[in-house]
């Protein structure tokens, strides 16, 4: 009786062979930085609950070079992650029509980015010292 040999697809490094998948994996890896940043913020809330001296010590720790490097990398990943979501918006929304014509995908993406920038500026202005 002949032995049946099953096909085993090689999986090592599959995503490095196509630039689309490299960027896809970079976006998926951004969740690590977003999670770590959320933990940093939660730690800050815990230190605030523990008192002024604990909170001030936590704030001082954020001024170190490793913390600045981490926050810079996290910002880059968050911006990239956000940009990819804005690019997906036209594909996930139902067709938007103005004057009987479909709104171009580019206009939808640009509108989302502009709205986010304006809201961010308003929030920064509202909470300024």
Protein backbone atom coordinates (compact mmCIF):
# COMPACT_ATOMS: atom_id res chain seq x y z
CA UNK A 1 0.00 0.00 0.00
CA UNK A 2 1.39 3.44 -0.98
CA UNK A 3 1.99 5.91 1.80
CA UNK A 4 0.28 9.31 1.37
CA UNK A 5 2.54 12.25 2.02
CA UNK A 6 0.79 15.50 2.96
CA UNK A 7 1.94 18.81 1.57
CA UNK A 8 3.47 21.12 4.16
CA UNK A 9 3.56 24.72 3.05
CA UNK A 10 6.72 26.55 4.14
CA UNK A 11 5.74 29.46 6.40
CA UNK A 12 9.08 30.90 7.49
CA UNK A 13 9.40 34.50 6.33
CA UNK A 14 6.36 34.45 4.02
CA UNK A 15 5.62 38.07 4.77
CA UNK A 16 9.10 39.30 3.79
CA UNK A 17 8.66 38.26 0.16
CA UNK A 18 6.05 40.87 -0.72
CA UNK A 19 6.31 44.59 0.26
CA UNK A 20 2.54 44.73 0.84
CA UNK A 21 2.84 42.08 3.54
CA UNK A 22 5.88 43.78 5.09
CA UNK A 23 3.81 46.94 5.59
CA UNK A 24 0.86 44.84 6.78
CA UNK A 25 3.03 43.16 9.42
CA UNK A 26 4.43 46.55 10.49
CA UNK A 27 0.87 47.74 11.07
CA UNK A 28 0.05 44.62 13.03
CA UNK A 29 3.25 45.02 15.09
CA UNK A 30 2.16 48.54 16.00
CA UNK A 31 -0.31 47.02 18.48
CA UNK A 32 2.66 46.09 20.70
CA UNK A 33 3.70 49.74 21.01
CA UNK A 34 0.10 50.88 21.47
CA UNK A 35 -0.38 48.33 24.26
CA UNK A 36 2.87 49.32 25.98
CA UNK A 37 1.92 52.98 25.76
CA UNK A 38 -1.49 52.21 27.29
CA UNK A 39 0.32 50.49 30.16
CA UNK A 40 2.52 53.58 30.64
CA UNK A 41 -0.59 55.77 30.86
CA UNK A 42 -2.28 53.35 33.27
CA UNK A 43 0.85 53.37 35.41
CA UNK A 44 0.61 57.17 35.47
CA UNK A 45 -2.98 56.95 36.66
CA UNK A 46 -1.95 54.52 39.39
CA UNK A 47 0.88 56.83 40.49
CA UNK A 48 -1.55 59.77 40.52
CA UNK A 49 -3.84 57.77 42.79
CA UNK A 50 -0.87 56.98 45.07
CA UNK A 51 -0.08 60.64 45.65
CA UNK A 52 1.84 63.64 44.40
CA UNK A 53 5.33 62.32 45.16
CA UNK A 54 4.68 59.04 43.31
CA UNK A 55 3.18 60.88 40.36
CA UNK A 56 6.10 63.33 40.20
CA UNK A 57 8.57 60.42 40.27
CA UNK A 58 6.68 58.77 37.39
CA UNK A 59 6.77 62.02 35.41
CA UNK A 60 10.52 62.32 36.00
CA UNK A 61 11.03 58.81 34.67
CA UNK A 62 9.40 59.88 31.41
CA UNK A 63 12.23 62.38 30.79
CA UNK A 64 14.91 59.67 30.39
CA UNK A 65 16.43 58.90 26.99
CA UNK A 66 14.92 55.40 26.84
CA UNK A 67 11.48 56.78 27.55
CA UNK A 68 11.87 59.46 24.90
CA UNK A 69 13.04 56.85 22.37
CA UNK A 70 10.09 54.61 23.24
CA UNK A 71 7.58 57.44 22.95
CA UNK A 72 9.08 58.49 19.60
CA UNK A 73 8.76 54.94 18.25
CA UNK A 74 5.24 54.62 19.66
CA UNK A 75 4.25 57.90 18.00
CA UNK A 76 5.61 56.72 14.65
CA UNK A 77 3.72 53.43 14.91
CA UNK A 78 0.49 55.12 16.00
CA UNK A 79 0.69 57.59 13.13
CA UNK A 80 1.31 54.76 10.65
CA UNK A 81 -1.50 52.67 12.14
CA UNK A 82 -3.88 55.65 11.97
CA UNK A 83 -2.91 56.41 8.38
CA UNK A 84 -3.67 52.84 7.32
CA UNK A 85 -7.11 53.07 8.93
CA UNK A 86 -7.82 56.30 7.10
CA UNK A 87 -6.86 54.58 3.84
CA UNK A 88 -9.35 51.78 4.59
CA UNK A 89 -12.23 54.21 5.27
CA UNK A 90 -13.48 54.40 1.66
CA UNK A 91 -13.54 50.61 1.42
CA UNK A 92 -15.55 50.13 4.61
CA UNK A 93 -18.06 52.96 4.25
CA UNK A 94 -21.17 52.59 2.17
CA UNK A 95 -20.93 54.65 -1.01
CA UNK A 96 -21.20 58.32 -0.11
CA UNK A 97 -23.00 60.41 -2.71
CA UNK A 98 -23.17 64.18 -3.04
CA UNK A 99 -25.24 65.69 -5.83
CA UNK A 100 -25.89 62.24 -7.29
CA UNK A 101 -22.18 61.51 -7.72
CA UNK A 102 -20.02 59.20 -5.65
CA UNK A 103 -17.50 60.99 -3.43
CA UNK A 104 -13.94 60.04 -4.49
CA UNK A 105 -11.97 57.78 -2.14
CA UNK A 106 -9.18 60.34 -1.86
CA UNK A 107 -11.61 63.00 -0.61
CA UNK A 108 -12.89 60.64 2.08
CA UNK A 109 -9.34 59.90 3.28
CA UNK A 110 -8.31 63.57 3.25
CA UNK A 111 -11.51 64.56 5.07
CA UNK A 112 -10.83 62.03 7.82
CA UNK A 113 -7.23 63.22 8.27
CA UNK A 114 -8.22 66.91 8.27
CA UNK A 115 -11.04 66.29 10.77
CA UNK A 116 -8.64 64.42 13.06
CA UNK A 117 -6.02 67.19 12.87
CA UNK A 118 -8.62 69.88 13.60
CA UNK A 119 -10.08 67.99 16.56
CA UNK A 120 -6.55 67.35 17.91
CA UNK A 121 -5.69 71.05 17.66
CA UNK A 122 -8.95 71.96 19.43
CA UNK A 123 -8.21 69.48 22.23
CA UNK A 124 -4.64 70.74 22.67
CA UNK A 125 -5.95 74.31 22.75
CA UNK A 126 -8.68 73.41 25.26
CA UNK A 127 -6.32 71.78 27.76
CA UNK A 128 -3.41 74.22 27.50
CA UNK A 129 -2.10 75.45 30.86
